[in-house]
Amino acid sequence: MATKTKKTVKKVAKKAVKSVKLVKTAPRRTKAAVVKSFQIAKDKTPFMTYQVSQQTIYWAILFIYIMILSLWILNIQLDTLRIIDKINAL
């Protein structure tokens, strides 16, 4: 019988574990919120109230401009139809 040979196993040297000290901090204390007295809320304006503002004037001017342009275009269309009618009548 053959003799068995033992294999050599290398042992790893253990490293020393360094102990880390935990520094405990005191819990932060927050200041208590200052309580203010209740204030009366302003009344909400009803939905259907009318108040003239800068935006109202802007929309009014825009509306007038669009109406004038549409009437001008309508006038041009009527003029062209009259001219076409005269040509067809000949």
C-alpha atoms as a PDB file:
ATOM      1  CA  MET A   1       0.000   0.000   0.000  1.00  0.00           C
ATOM      2  CA  ALA A   2       0.999   3.405  -0.775  1.00  0.00           C
ATOM      3  CA  THR A   3       1.639   5.795   2.019  1.00  0.00           C
ATOM      4  CA  LYS A   4      -0.517   8.790   2.234  1.00  0.00           C
ATOM      5  CA  THR A   5       1.209  12.114   2.422  1.00  0.00           C
ATOM      6  CA  LYS A   6      -0.297  14.944   4.318  1.00  0.00           C
ATOM      7  CA  LYS A   7      -0.744  18.180   2.536  1.00  0.00           C
ATOM      8  CA  THR A   8       0.485  21.208   4.347  1.00  0.00           C
ATOM      9  CA  VAL A   9      -2.094  23.859   5.020  1.00  0.00           C
ATOM     10  CA  LYS A  10      -0.998  27.427   5.468  1.00  0.00           C
ATOM     11  CA  LYS A  11      -2.579  29.123   8.411  1.00  0.00           C
ATOM     12  CA  VAL A  12      -3.662  32.686   7.943  1.00  0.00           C
ATOM     13  CA  ALA A  13      -2.599  34.948  10.720  1.00  0.00           C
ATOM     14  CA  LYS A  14      -5.571  36.561  12.428  1.00  0.00           C
ATOM     15  CA  LYS A  15      -5.585  40.328  12.526  1.00  0.00           C
ATOM     16  CA  ALA A  16      -6.391  42.021  15.751  1.00  0.00           C
ATOM     17  CA  VAL A  17      -9.760  43.754  15.689  1.00  0.00           C
ATOM     18  CA  LYS A  18      -9.531  47.370  16.700  1.00  0.00           C
ATOM     19  CA  SER A  19     -12.293  48.449  18.977  1.00  0.00           C
ATOM     20  CA  VAL A  20     -14.056  51.629  17.990  1.00  0.00           C
ATOM     21  CA  LYS A  21     -15.577  53.699  20.710  1.00  0.00           C
ATOM     22  CA  LEU A  22     -18.995  55.073  19.911  1.00  0.00           C
ATOM     23  CA  VAL A  23     -19.552  58.624  20.960  1.00  0.00           C
ATOM     24  CA  LYS A  24     -23.081  59.164  22.102  1.00  0.00           C
ATOM     25  CA  THR A  25     -24.530  62.550  21.404  1.00  0.00           C
ATOM     26  CA  ALA A  26     -27.270  64.014  23.446  1.00  0.00           C
ATOM     27  CA  PRO A  27     -30.591  64.062  21.587  1.00  0.00           C
ATOM     28  CA  ARG A  28     -31.343  67.427  20.050  1.00  0.00           C
ATOM     29  CA  ARG A  29     -34.094  69.234  21.744  1.00  0.00           C
ATOM     30  CA  THR A  30     -36.248  71.384  19.552  1.00  0.00           C
ATOM     31  CA  LYS A  31     -37.829  74.513  20.817  1.00  0.00           C
ATOM     32  CA  ALA A  32     -41.555  74.366  21.259  1.00  0.00           C
ATOM     33  CA  ALA A  33     -43.451  76.203  18.518  1.00  0.00           C
ATOM     34  CA  VAL A  34     -44.770  79.540  19.565  1.00  0.00           C
ATOM     35  CA  VAL A  35     -48.537  79.437  19.614  1.00  0.00           C
ATOM     36  CA  LYS A  36     -50.084  82.550  18.151  1.00  0.00           C
ATOM     37  CA  SER A  37     -53.578  83.618  18.866  1.00  0.00           C
ATOM     38  CA  PHE A  38     -56.145  82.808  16.229  1.00  0.00           C
ATOM     39  CA  GLN A  39     -56.912  85.529  13.719  1.00  0.00           C
ATOM     40  CA  ILE A  40     -60.237  86.093  12.055  1.00  0.00           C
ATOM     41  CA  ALA A  41     -60.131  85.010   8.423  1.00  0.00           C
ATOM     42  CA  LYS A  42     -61.173  87.474   5.743  1.00  0.00           C
ATOM     43  CA  ASP A  43     -64.545  86.883   4.140  1.00  0.00           C
ATOM     44  CA  LYS A  44     -64.274  85.297   0.703  1.00  0.00           C
ATOM     45  CA  THR A  45     -65.820  87.300  -2.079  1.00  0.00           C
ATOM     46  CA  PRO A  46     -68.743  85.609  -3.824  1.00  0.00           C
ATOM     47  CA  PHE A  47     -67.991  84.053  -7.203  1.00  0.00           C
ATOM     48  CA  MET A  48     -70.346  86.216  -9.226  1.00  0.00           C
ATOM     49  CA  THR A  49     -69.003  89.579  -8.049  1.00  0.00           C
ATOM     50  CA  TYR A  50     -67.638  91.864 -10.757  1.00  0.00           C
ATOM     51  CA  GLN A  51     -64.443  93.769 -10.183  1.00  0.00           C
ATOM     52  CA  VAL A  52     -62.660  95.711 -12.925  1.00  0.00           C
ATOM     53  CA  SER A  53     -58.967  94.953 -12.960  1.00  0.00           C
ATOM     54  CA  GLN A  54     -56.085  95.397 -15.349  1.00  0.00           C
ATOM     55  CA  GLN A  55     -56.740  91.949 -16.767  1.00  0.00           C
ATOM     56  CA  THR A  56     -60.395  92.854 -17.442  1.00  0.00           C
ATOM     57  CA  ILE A  57     -59.292  95.857 -19.477  1.00  0.00           C
ATOM     58  CA  TYR A  58     -56.772  93.701 -21.370  1.00  0.00           C
ATOM     59  CA  TRP A  59     -59.471  91.173 -22.367  1.00  0.00           C
ATOM     60  CA  ALA A  60     -61.915  93.933 -23.335  1.00  0.00           C
ATOM     61  CA  ILE A  61     -59.353  95.551 -25.657  1.00  0.00           C
ATOM     62  CA  LEU A  62     -58.518  92.163 -27.154  1.00  0.00           C
ATOM     63  CA  PHE A  63     -62.217  91.420 -27.723  1.00  0.00           C
ATOM     64  CA  ILE A  64     -62.774  94.774 -29.474  1.00  0.00           C
ATOM     65  CA  TYR A  65     -59.711  94.229 -31.689  1.00  0.00           C
ATOM     66  CA  ILE A  66     -60.879  90.759 -32.740  1.00  0.00           C
ATOM     67  CA  MET A  67     -64.400  92.006 -33.475  1.00  0.00           C
ATOM     68  CA  ILE A  68     -63.095  94.842 -35.663  1.00  0.00           C
ATOM     69  CA  LEU A  69     -60.880  92.427 -37.604  1.00  0.00           C
ATOM     70  CA  SER A  70     -63.733  89.965 -38.124  1.00  0.00           C
ATOM     71  CA  LEU A  71     -66.056  92.752 -39.356  1.00  0.00           C
ATOM     72  CA  TRP A  72     -63.334  93.980 -41.728  1.00  0.00           C
ATOM     73  CA  ILE A  73     -62.868  90.472 -43.144  1.00  0.00           C
ATOM     74  CA  LEU A  74     -66.654  90.095 -43.511  1.00  0.00           C
ATOM     75  CA  ASN A  75     -66.795  93.410 -45.404  1.00  0.00           C
ATOM     76  CA  ILE A  76     -64.036  92.268 -47.770  1.00  0.00           C
ATOM     77  CA  GLN A  77     -65.883  89.005 -48.419  1.00  0.00           C
ATOM     78  CA  LEU A  78     -69.129  90.842 -49.192  1.00  0.00           C
ATOM     79  CA  ASP A  79     -67.307  93.174 -51.599  1.00  0.00           C
ATOM     80  CA  THR A  80     -65.787  90.241 -53.470  1.00  0.00           C
ATOM     81  CA  LEU A  81     -69.186  88.532 -53.696  1.00  0.00           C
ATOM     82  CA  ARG A  82     -70.722  91.716 -55.160  1.00  0.00           C
ATOM     83  CA  ILE A  83     -67.948  91.923 -57.744  1.00  0.00           C
ATOM     84  CA  ILE A  84     -68.414  88.244 -58.674  1.00  0.00           C
ATOM     85  CA  ASP A  85     -72.171  88.797 -59.008  1.00  0.00           C
ATOM     86  CA  LYS A  86     -71.593  91.756 -61.369  1.00  0.00           C
ATOM     87  CA  ILE A  87     -69.226  89.657 -63.491  1.00  0.00           C
ATOM     88  CA  ASN A  88     -71.757  86.819 -63.698  1.00  0.00           C
ATOM     89  CA  ALA A  89     -74.541  89.245 -64.653  1.00  0.00           C
ATOM     90  CA  LEU A  90     -72.674  90.364 -67.762  1.00  0.00           C
END
